[in-house]
Amino acid sequence: MKIKYLNFFFTLIILLSFTELTAQDYWLRVPSPTDRILTKCWFVDTVYGWAAGDSGTIINTTNGGATWGLQNTGIFNYNIDDVFFLNRNLGWALSNDYFFNGTFMLKTTNGGVNWSITNFPDTSVLITTIQFTDSLHGYAAGISGHIFRTSNGGNSWNLCQIDTAGCPYLYGFPKHRVKFINSTTGYVCGGKYDIIGAVWRTTNSGVSWSTFCVTPEPLFDVKVINENKIVASGGDFEFGAITTTSFNSAANWNYFNIGLFGIGRDLAFRTDKEIWMPLAFAQAWAVHLDSGNINIPWIGVPAPDTTAVYAAVFKSPTFGFAFGSYGAIMKYNTAVIGLTPGSSIISRDYSLGQNYPNPFNPSTNIVYKLAKAENVRITLYDLLGKQVKVFIEGMRPAGFNRMKFVNPGLASGVYIYKIEAGSFTESKRMVIVK
């Protein structure tokens, strides 16, 4: 019996090592000054960049990513929900106390060496995304559903008008990202799980916004390719990553479920056509080679070291950085530029997703995809390969399925969960914390 457990353990190590080597072809881990999760990033050029995330963390580089250092934000108990820089010196960041104090707005005039903190006047409003078009004119939105604009560098904020005609009753849903392409035209994307994904558009410097309900799940990033073509990404834990594309300045949208587990949290264009979309807790990337054309499939690529990737940016085809769990900083590997059309590193027919949340207590979700209806069995092992728990899911339909796992009293630690569905098997790690 011990030999059986050891065989399982060594097989698992080999599988995880293969995933790491495959991912390392495209992204290389570099030293990080933090072990906090990093969820947002911004580069003003190929020299100066910032990334932000958990517990008030902001890190930056002033030498093209060769080294990174921690900045003192003055925020310790709350996440940095967004960071934006207009140039190498002038920048803003957002943090939220979701229960009492509302939004903290951070501002720097020296590249983040020093940050000043002010409270957004309305403590019932939660602002999670911000962008400025110049030193005076800026835009902010968030979970509360409002969109605000300032014309004095953020000293005061005015509520924008949102037109409800295109999407009645849903205009007040959360906003996740604001992007302006010039001083007059901008986009906001957002929505709510299991209800709607929406895009808002302004052509008069944010005075008023039109609403477009475009997907069944929320959207987390939006990129403008040209004056006509816009791509947005999002998804949810159950149905996986989604995109939507407009070819006529947001008048009409083409929705597409890309068939990969995860949520499209960011859109990083390496070239005009090649998009890298981090899939967050799925510990993988989705890559597109024709700027989001729905007739071309997305390619799945595992992240290095089974890292959950949340944010990415390219400032040129050979200069890219990505950020994720446990302070991960990843640099694009220029030794292996580009992917081959039609390739697929991650199977699109059967897959086992990373449990979410992870680490967890007391419960987590395990999502898996089946090419056809199968009898499903999920087994939990400890790191010695000893069987801990068996879950008989029974016959499950094709497509994405979700199992909720409630900790039955297991001790804190790392465990392995393995799916068996027909001839398909795959294993991943989960972490229980108490």
Protein backbone atom coordinates (compact mmCIF):
# COMPACT_ATOMS: atom_id res chain seq x y z
CA MET A 1 0.00 0.00 0.00
CA LYS A 2 2.88 2.39 0.80
CA ILE A 3 4.32 1.76 -2.68
CA LYS A 4 0.96 2.70 -4.19
CA TYR A 5 0.92 6.00 -2.27
CA LEU A 6 4.52 6.78 -3.24
CA ASN A 7 3.79 6.06 -6.91
CA PHE A 8 0.85 8.45 -6.80
CA PHE A 9 2.95 11.13 -5.10
CA PHE A 10 5.84 10.90 -7.58
CA THR A 11 3.44 10.87 -10.54
CA LEU A 12 1.89 14.07 -9.21
CA ILE A 13 5.30 15.72 -8.87
CA ILE A 14 6.13 14.83 -12.48
CA LEU A 15 2.85 16.26 -13.74
CA LEU A 16 3.34 19.51 -11.82
CA SER A 17 6.93 19.78 -13.03
CA PHE A 18 5.80 19.35 -16.65
CA THR A 19 3.27 22.14 -16.24
CA GLU A 20 5.95 24.42 -14.81
CA LEU A 21 8.41 23.74 -17.62
CA THR A 22 5.76 24.32 -20.26
CA ALA A 23 4.72 27.64 -18.74
CA GLN A 24 8.30 28.81 -18.22
CA ASP A 25 8.75 28.87 -22.00
CA TYR A 26 6.63 32.02 -22.07
CA TRP A 27 6.95 33.68 -18.64
CA LEU A 28 9.89 33.70 -16.25
CA ARG A 29 9.58 34.35 -12.49
CA VAL A 30 11.74 37.19 -11.18
CA PRO A 31 12.54 38.13 -7.55
CA SER A 32 9.76 39.94 -5.70
CA PRO A 33 9.95 42.15 -2.58
CA THR A 34 6.58 40.87 -1.30
CA ASP A 35 4.58 37.69 -0.78
CA ARG A 36 1.26 39.57 -1.00
CA ILE A 37 -1.10 38.88 -3.88
CA LEU A 38 -0.72 41.46 -6.69
CA THR A 39 -3.87 42.17 -8.69
CA LYS A 40 -3.27 45.44 -10.61
CA CYS A 41 -0.36 46.95 -12.55
CA TRP A 42 0.57 50.04 -14.55
CA PHE A 43 3.62 50.95 -16.63
CA VAL A 44 4.14 54.41 -18.12
CA ASP A 45 7.03 53.19 -20.32
CA THR A 46 9.56 50.37 -20.47
CA VAL A 47 11.44 51.76 -17.46
CA TYR A 48 8.91 52.83 -14.80
CA GLY A 49 6.17 50.51 -13.57
CA TRP A 50 4.00 49.71 -10.52
CA ALA A 51 1.97 46.75 -9.24
CA ALA A 52 -0.47 46.70 -6.34
CA GLY A 53 -2.60 44.36 -4.27
CA ASP A 54 -3.21 42.92 -0.83
CA SER A 55 -2.72 44.78 2.48
CA GLY A 56 -1.86 48.18 1.01
CA THR A 57 0.96 46.77 -1.10
CA ILE A 58 2.44 48.79 -3.96
CA ILE A 59 5.74 47.81 -5.54
CA ASN A 60 7.60 49.62 -8.29
CA THR A 61 10.56 49.47 -10.65
CA THR A 62 12.61 52.31 -12.06
CA ASN A 63 14.92 50.15 -14.18
CA GLY A 64 12.67 48.22 -16.52
CA GLY A 65 11.85 45.47 -14.04
CA ALA A 66 15.44 44.51 -13.26
CA THR A 67 14.67 45.14 -9.58
CA TRP A 68 11.50 45.92 -7.61
CA GLY A 69 11.00 47.74 -4.31
CA LEU A 70 8.17 48.24 -1.81
CA GLN A 71 6.53 51.64 -1.42
CA ASN A 72 5.05 52.99 1.81
CA THR A 73 1.39 53.68 1.07
CA GLY A 74 0.19 54.25 4.62
CA ILE A 75 -2.48 51.57 4.02
CA PHE A 76 -2.04 48.31 5.92
CA ASN A 77 -5.42 46.66 6.49
CA TYR A 78 -7.05 47.03 3.08
CA ASN A 79 -6.27 46.03 -0.49
CA ILE A 80 -5.09 48.45 -3.14
CA ASP A 81 -7.91 48.02 -5.67
CA ASP A 82 -6.36 50.05 -8.50
CA VAL A 83 -3.24 52.01 -9.40
CA PHE A 84 -2.80 54.50 -12.25
CA PHE A 85 0.09 56.76 -13.27
CA LEU A 86 -0.11 59.62 -15.74
CA ASN A 87 3.67 59.91 -15.97
CA ARG A 88 6.72 58.87 -13.97
CA ASN A 89 5.78 61.13 -11.06
CA LEU A 90 2.03 61.72 -10.92
CA GLY A 91 -0.14 58.78 -9.87
CA TRP A 92 -3.23 57.69 -7.98
CA ALA A 93 -4.35 54.54 -6.17
CA LEU A 94 -7.54 53.34 -4.49
CA SER A 95 -8.24 51.36 -1.34
CA ASN A 96 -11.54 50.54 0.37
CA ASP A 97 -12.86 49.95 3.85
CA TYR A 98 -15.98 48.08 2.80
CA PHE A 99 -17.74 48.48 6.16
CA PHE A 100 -17.15 51.91 7.68
CA ASN A 101 -14.90 54.46 5.95
CA GLY A 102 -15.56 53.90 2.26
CA THR A 103 -12.85 54.75 -0.27
CA PHE A 104 -9.33 55.99 0.45
CA MET A 105 -7.87 57.90 -2.51
CA LEU A 106 -4.07 57.92 -2.64
CA LYS A 107 -2.03 60.42 -4.68
CA THR A 108 1.68 60.83 -5.35
CA THR A 109 3.68 63.51 -7.14
CA ASN A 110 7.06 61.80 -6.86
CA GLY A 111 6.54 58.36 -8.33
CA GLY A 112 5.22 56.82 -5.12
CA VAL A 113 8.09 57.77 -2.83
CA ASN A 114 5.39 59.53 -0.81
CA TRP A 115 1.62 59.00 -0.93
CA SER A 116 -1.05 61.32 0.47
CA ILE A 117 -4.40 59.86 1.55
CA THR A 118 -7.84 61.47 1.43
CA ASN A 119 -11.29 60.00 1.99
CA PHE A 120 -13.83 60.08 -0.79
CA PRO A 121 -16.52 62.48 0.51
CA ASP A 122 -19.37 59.96 0.38
CA THR A 123 -18.41 57.03 2.63
CA SER A 124 -21.29 54.94 1.23
CA VAL A 125 -19.58 54.94 -2.19
CA LEU A 126 -16.90 52.36 -3.04
CA ILE A 127 -14.51 53.39 -5.82
CA THR A 128 -12.37 50.61 -7.32
CA THR A 129 -11.13 51.95 -10.69
CA ILE A 130 -9.57 55.28 -11.67
CA GLN A 131 -7.96 56.95 -14.68
CA PHE A 132 -6.84 60.48 -15.56
CA THR A 133 -6.50 61.94 -19.06
CA ASP A 134 -4.33 64.82 -17.82
CA SER A 135 -3.28 66.24 -14.46
CA LEU A 136 -6.72 67.79 -13.87
CA HIS A 137 -9.32 65.59 -15.57
CA GLY A 138 -10.00 62.16 -14.13
CA TYR A 139 -12.70 59.49 -13.88
CA ALA A 140 -13.57 56.96 -11.20
CA ALA A 141 -16.16 54.21 -10.72
CA GLY A 142 -16.74 51.19 -8.55
CA ILE A 143 -18.88 48.65 -6.79
CA SER A 144 -21.54 51.18 -5.87
CA GLY A 145 -22.34 51.61 -9.57
CA HIS A 146 -21.73 55.34 -9.88
CA ILE A 147 -19.32 57.05 -12.28
CA PHE A 148 -17.58 60.26 -11.17
CA ARG A 149 -15.40 62.86 -12.88
CA THR A 150 -13.06 65.57 -11.64
CA SER A 151 -11.66 68.66 -13.34
CA ASN A 152 -9.32 69.75 -10.55
CA GLY A 153 -6.98 66.82 -10.05
CA GLY A 154 -9.28 64.96 -7.67
CA ASN A 155 -9.89 67.74 -5.15
CA SER A 156 -13.62 67.35 -5.82
CA TRP A 157 -15.73 64.86 -7.77
CA ASN A 158 -18.99 65.26 -9.70
CA LEU A 159 -21.53 62.52 -10.35
CA CYS A 160 -21.91 61.61 -14.03
CA GLN A 161 -25.24 60.97 -15.74
CA ILE A 162 -25.84 57.36 -16.84
CA ASP A 163 -28.41 56.76 -19.57
CA THR A 164 -30.64 53.77 -18.77
CA ALA A 165 -32.23 53.37 -22.21
CA GLY A 166 -29.85 50.67 -23.46
CA CYS A 167 -30.09 48.55 -20.33
CA PRO A 168 -33.03 49.48 -18.07
CA TYR A 169 -32.71 48.92 -14.30
CA LEU A 170 -29.17 47.56 -14.60
CA TYR A 171 -27.19 50.78 -15.08
CA GLY A 172 -26.30 50.87 -11.38
CA PHE A 173 -24.44 47.56 -11.33
CA PRO A 174 -20.75 47.46 -10.24
CA LYS A 175 -18.13 49.04 -12.50
CA HIS A 176 -14.76 47.25 -12.63
CA ARG A 177 -12.54 49.15 -15.09
CA VAL A 178 -12.48 52.62 -16.67
CA LYS A 179 -10.50 53.30 -19.87
CA PHE A 180 -10.27 56.57 -21.80
CA ILE A 181 -8.79 56.61 -25.30
CA ASN A 182 -8.63 60.42 -25.53
CA SER A 183 -9.95 63.44 -23.67
CA THR A 184 -13.56 62.88 -24.77
CA THR A 185 -14.15 59.17 -25.37
CA GLY A 186 -14.04 56.54 -22.66
CA TYR A 187 -15.40 53.15 -21.64
CA VAL A 188 -16.31 51.47 -18.37
CA CYS A 189 -17.03 47.74 -17.98
CA GLY A 190 -18.64 45.81 -15.15
CA GLY A 191 -21.70 43.81 -14.17
CA LYS A 192 -22.76 41.21 -11.64
CA TYR A 193 -22.29 37.44 -11.42
CA ASP A 194 -25.13 35.33 -12.88
CA ILE A 195 -27.02 38.44 -14.02
CA ILE A 196 -25.29 40.67 -16.56
CA GLY A 197 -22.08 42.05 -18.00
CA ALA A 198 -22.25 45.63 -19.25
CA VAL A 199 -20.24 48.33 -21.00
CA TRP A 200 -20.76 52.07 -20.56
CA ARG A 201 -19.52 54.62 -23.15
CA THR A 202 -19.06 58.40 -23.14
CA THR A 203 -18.17 60.74 -26.00
CA ASN A 204 -18.47 64.01 -24.06
CA SER A 205 -15.68 63.71 -21.48
CA GLY A 206 -17.78 61.72 -19.03
CA VAL A 207 -20.66 64.14 -18.66
CA SER A 208 -23.06 61.38 -19.73
CA TRP A 209 -22.74 57.65 -20.40
CA SER A 210 -24.67 55.19 -22.58
CA THR A 211 -25.28 51.68 -21.24
CA PHE A 212 -24.92 48.41 -23.21
CA CYS A 213 -25.87 45.05 -21.67
CA VAL A 214 -23.70 42.63 -23.61
CA THR A 215 -22.93 39.38 -21.71
CA PRO A 216 -24.51 37.06 -19.12
CA GLU A 217 -21.53 37.45 -16.74
CA PRO A 218 -19.54 40.47 -15.48
CA LEU A 219 -16.71 42.12 -17.41
CA PHE A 220 -13.42 43.07 -15.75
CA ASP A 221 -11.35 44.73 -18.47
CA VAL A 222 -11.97 46.62 -21.69
CA LYS A 223 -9.47 47.54 -24.41
CA VAL A 224 -9.99 49.81 -27.42
CA ILE A 225 -8.15 48.50 -30.49
CA ASN A 226 -9.22 51.34 -32.78
CA GLU A 227 -12.11 53.83 -33.01
CA ASN A 228 -14.48 51.02 -34.01
CA LYS A 229 -13.20 47.83 -32.38
CA ILE A 230 -13.47 47.25 -28.62
CA VAL A 231 -12.76 44.01 -26.71
CA ALA A 232 -13.86 43.26 -23.14
CA SER A 233 -13.20 40.21 -20.94
CA GLY A 234 -14.68 38.62 -17.84
CA GLY A 235 -16.52 35.47 -16.76
CA ASP A 236 -17.44 33.62 -13.59
CA PHE A 237 -16.42 30.64 -11.47
CA GLU A 238 -18.91 28.23 -13.04
CA PHE A 239 -18.96 28.92 -16.78
CA GLY A 240 -15.39 30.10 -17.27
CA ALA A 241 -13.83 33.00 -19.12
CA ILE A 242 -15.75 35.11 -21.63
CA THR A 243 -15.07 37.90 -24.10
CA THR A 244 -17.23 40.29 -26.07
CA THR A 245 -16.22 42.33 -29.10
CA SER A 246 -17.73 45.33 -30.86
CA PHE A 247 -16.80 46.33 -34.41
CA ASN A 248 -18.94 49.48 -34.55
CA SER A 249 -18.02 51.66 -31.57
CA ALA A 250 -20.11 49.71 -29.02
CA ALA A 251 -23.37 49.77 -30.98
CA ASN A 252 -23.40 45.95 -31.29
CA TRP A 253 -21.49 43.25 -29.42
CA ASN A 254 -20.47 39.64 -30.15
CA TYR A 255 -20.42 37.48 -26.99
CA PHE A 256 -18.11 34.44 -26.80
CA ASN A 257 -17.49 31.85 -24.08
CA ILE A 258 -13.88 30.89 -24.79
CA GLY A 259 -14.19 27.40 -23.28
CA LEU A 260 -11.46 27.77 -20.64
CA PHE A 261 -11.85 27.73 -16.86
CA GLY A 262 -11.18 31.01 -15.06
CA ILE A 263 -12.11 34.68 -15.28
CA GLY A 264 -10.57 37.10 -17.78
CA ARG A 265 -9.28 39.76 -15.37
CA ASP A 266 -7.03 41.69 -17.76
CA LEU A 267 -6.27 42.08 -21.47
CA ALA A 268 -2.61 42.55 -22.42
CA PHE A 269 -1.88 43.12 -26.11
CA ARG A 270 1.63 41.97 -27.02
CA THR A 271 1.00 43.02 -30.62
CA ASP A 272 -2.02 44.47 -32.41
CA LYS A 273 -3.33 40.89 -32.74
CA GLU A 274 -1.80 38.78 -29.93
CA ILE A 275 -3.68 39.06 -26.62
CA TRP A 276 -2.62 37.53 -23.30
CA MET A 277 -5.54 37.26 -20.87
CA PRO A 278 -4.73 36.11 -17.29
CA LEU A 279 -7.36 33.71 -15.94
CA ALA A 280 -6.82 34.50 -12.24
CA PHE A 281 -7.41 31.56 -9.86
CA ALA A 282 -7.38 29.10 -12.81
CA GLN A 283 -3.57 29.49 -12.79
CA ALA A 284 -3.45 29.84 -16.55
CA TRP A 285 -3.56 32.20 -19.51
CA ALA A 286 -5.88 32.45 -22.49
CA VAL A 287 -4.08 33.66 -25.62
CA HIS A 288 -5.65 34.96 -28.83
CA LEU A 289 -3.79 35.49 -32.10
CA ASP A 290 -6.32 37.63 -33.98
CA SER A 291 -7.29 40.47 -31.59
CA GLY A 292 -10.35 38.69 -30.20
CA ASN A 293 -11.97 37.55 -33.47
CA ILE A 294 -14.71 35.15 -32.31
CA ASN A 295 -14.06 32.80 -35.25
CA ILE A 296 -10.57 32.02 -33.95
CA PRO A 297 -10.27 29.85 -30.78
CA TRP A 298 -8.34 30.96 -27.71
CA ILE A 299 -5.24 28.99 -26.70
CA GLY A 300 -4.79 27.83 -23.10
CA VAL A 301 -1.33 28.23 -21.55
CA PRO A 302 -0.52 27.22 -17.94
CA ALA A 303 1.02 29.87 -15.68
CA PRO A 304 4.52 29.29 -14.25
CA ASP A 305 4.74 27.54 -10.89
CA THR A 306 0.90 27.14 -10.82
CA THR A 307 0.62 30.89 -10.17
CA ALA A 308 -2.75 32.61 -10.16
CA VAL A 309 -2.20 35.52 -12.58
CA TYR A 310 -4.37 38.63 -12.19
CA ALA A 311 -2.68 41.49 -14.06
CA ALA A 312 -0.47 41.85 -17.12
CA VAL A 313 0.92 44.55 -19.39
CA PHE A 314 2.99 44.83 -22.57
CA LYS A 315 4.73 48.10 -23.45
CA SER A 316 6.24 46.57 -26.58
CA PRO A 317 6.20 43.12 -28.25
CA THR A 318 9.32 42.20 -26.29
CA PHE A 319 8.58 43.95 -22.97
CA GLY A 320 5.87 42.39 -20.83
CA PHE A 321 5.22 41.81 -17.13
CA ALA A 322 2.55 39.91 -15.21
CA PHE A 323 1.63 39.72 -11.52
CA GLY A 324 -0.26 37.34 -9.28
CA SER A 325 -0.48 35.22 -6.14
CA TYR A 326 2.14 35.26 -3.36
CA GLY A 327 3.83 38.35 -4.80
CA ALA A 328 4.57 36.69 -8.14
CA ILE A 329 6.31 38.86 -10.73
CA MET A 330 6.68 37.30 -14.18
CA LYS A 331 8.63 38.68 -17.14
CA TYR A 332 7.78 37.74 -20.71
CA ASN A 333 10.45 35.43 -22.14
CA THR A 334 11.69 36.95 -25.39
CA ALA A 335 13.53 33.73 -26.23
CA VAL A 336 10.22 32.13 -27.33
CA ILE A 337 8.30 34.94 -29.01
CA GLY A 338 4.78 34.09 -30.20
CA LEU A 339 2.52 31.03 -30.31
CA THR A 340 1.56 28.85 -33.24
CA PRO A 341 -2.01 29.27 -34.57
CA GLY A 342 -4.12 26.21 -33.84
CA SER A 343 -1.94 25.04 -30.94
CA SER A 344 -3.47 24.23 -27.59
CA ILE A 345 -1.34 23.60 -24.53
CA ILE A 346 -4.34 23.19 -22.23
CA SER A 347 -6.95 20.61 -23.25
CA ARG A 348 -10.22 22.27 -24.30
CA ASP A 349 -12.35 19.12 -23.90
CA TYR A 350 -11.71 17.95 -20.33
CA SER A 351 -10.19 20.05 -17.59
CA LEU A 352 -9.99 20.35 -13.81
CA GLY A 353 -9.95 23.88 -12.46
CA GLN A 354 -8.07 25.18 -9.45
CA ASN A 355 -10.38 25.27 -6.45
CA TYR A 356 -11.57 28.73 -5.48
CA PRO A 357 -11.02 30.27 -3.01
CA ASN A 358 -7.64 28.78 -2.23
CA PRO A 359 -6.46 28.72 0.56
CA PHE A 360 -9.89 28.29 2.15
CA ASN A 361 -11.90 27.58 5.27
CA PRO A 362 -14.50 26.24 5.64
CA SER A 363 -15.60 25.74 2.01
CA THR A 364 -14.33 26.01 -1.56
CA ASN A 365 -15.55 25.30 -5.11
CA ILE A 366 -14.10 22.73 -7.50
CA VAL A 367 -14.99 23.34 -11.15
CA TYR A 368 -14.36 20.85 -13.96
CA LYS A 369 -15.19 20.61 -17.64
CA LEU A 370 -16.38 17.48 -19.47
CA ALA A 371 -16.44 16.88 -23.21
CA LYS A 372 -19.46 14.60 -22.77
CA ALA A 373 -21.62 13.27 -19.95
CA GLU A 374 -19.50 11.12 -17.61
CA ASN A 375 -19.62 9.44 -14.23
CA VAL A 376 -17.45 11.63 -12.03
CA ARG A 377 -15.50 10.72 -8.93
CA ILE A 378 -13.34 13.19 -6.98
CA THR A 379 -10.85 11.88 -4.43
CA LEU A 380 -8.96 13.84 -1.80
CA TYR A 381 -5.45 12.77 -0.72
CA ASP A 382 -2.92 14.09 1.75
CA LEU A 383 0.65 14.77 0.63
CA LEU A 384 1.72 11.24 1.52
CA GLY A 385 -0.79 9.92 -1.02
CA LYS A 386 -3.19 8.62 1.61
CA GLN A 387 -6.83 8.69 0.55
CA VAL A 388 -8.76 11.09 2.81
CA LYS A 389 -12.21 11.48 1.24
CA VAL A 390 -14.12 10.27 -1.83
CA PHE A 391 -16.90 12.26 -3.50
CA ILE A 392 -19.14 10.38 -5.93
CA GLU A 393 -20.61 13.03 -8.22
CA GLY A 394 -22.41 10.47 -10.37
CA MET A 395 -23.37 11.17 -13.98
CA ARG A 396 -22.61 14.80 -14.82
CA PRO A 397 -23.47 16.61 -18.07
CA ALA A 398 -21.04 17.89 -20.70
CA GLY A 399 -19.63 21.37 -20.11
CA PHE A 400 -18.66 23.07 -16.87
CA ASN A 401 -19.72 21.54 -13.55
CA ARG A 402 -19.15 22.72 -10.01
CA MET A 403 -18.80 20.84 -6.73
CA LYS A 404 -18.86 22.66 -3.40
CA PHE A 405 -16.40 21.14 -0.94
CA VAL A 406 -17.01 21.78 2.77
CA ASN A 407 -14.11 20.91 5.06
CA PRO A 408 -15.23 17.89 7.13
CA GLY A 409 -12.81 18.75 9.95
CA LEU A 410 -9.47 18.18 8.25
CA ALA A 411 -6.36 19.78 9.70
CA SER A 412 -4.69 22.78 8.07
CA GLY A 413 -2.34 21.83 5.27
CA VAL A 414 -1.90 20.99 1.60
CA TYR A 415 -4.10 18.32 0.03
CA ILE A 416 -4.43 16.83 -3.45
CA TYR A 417 -7.77 16.47 -5.19
CA LYS A 418 -8.07 14.15 -8.18
CA ILE A 419 -10.89 13.84 -10.69
CA GLU A 420 -11.78 10.64 -12.57
CA ALA A 421 -14.28 10.98 -15.42
CA GLY A 422 -14.21 8.18 -17.95
CA SER A 423 -10.58 7.95 -19.08
CA PHE A 424 -9.84 11.51 -17.97
CA THR A 425 -7.91 12.06 -14.73
CA GLU A 426 -6.19 15.17 -13.39
CA SER A 427 -4.94 16.35 -9.99
CA LYS A 428 -4.43 19.71 -8.31
CA ARG A 429 -3.47 21.04 -4.89
CA MET A 430 -5.71 22.77 -2.37
CA VAL A 431 -4.77 24.45 0.91
CA ILE A 432 -6.91 24.33 4.05
CA VAL A 433 -6.27 27.02 6.65
CA LYS A 434 -7.79 27.40 10.12
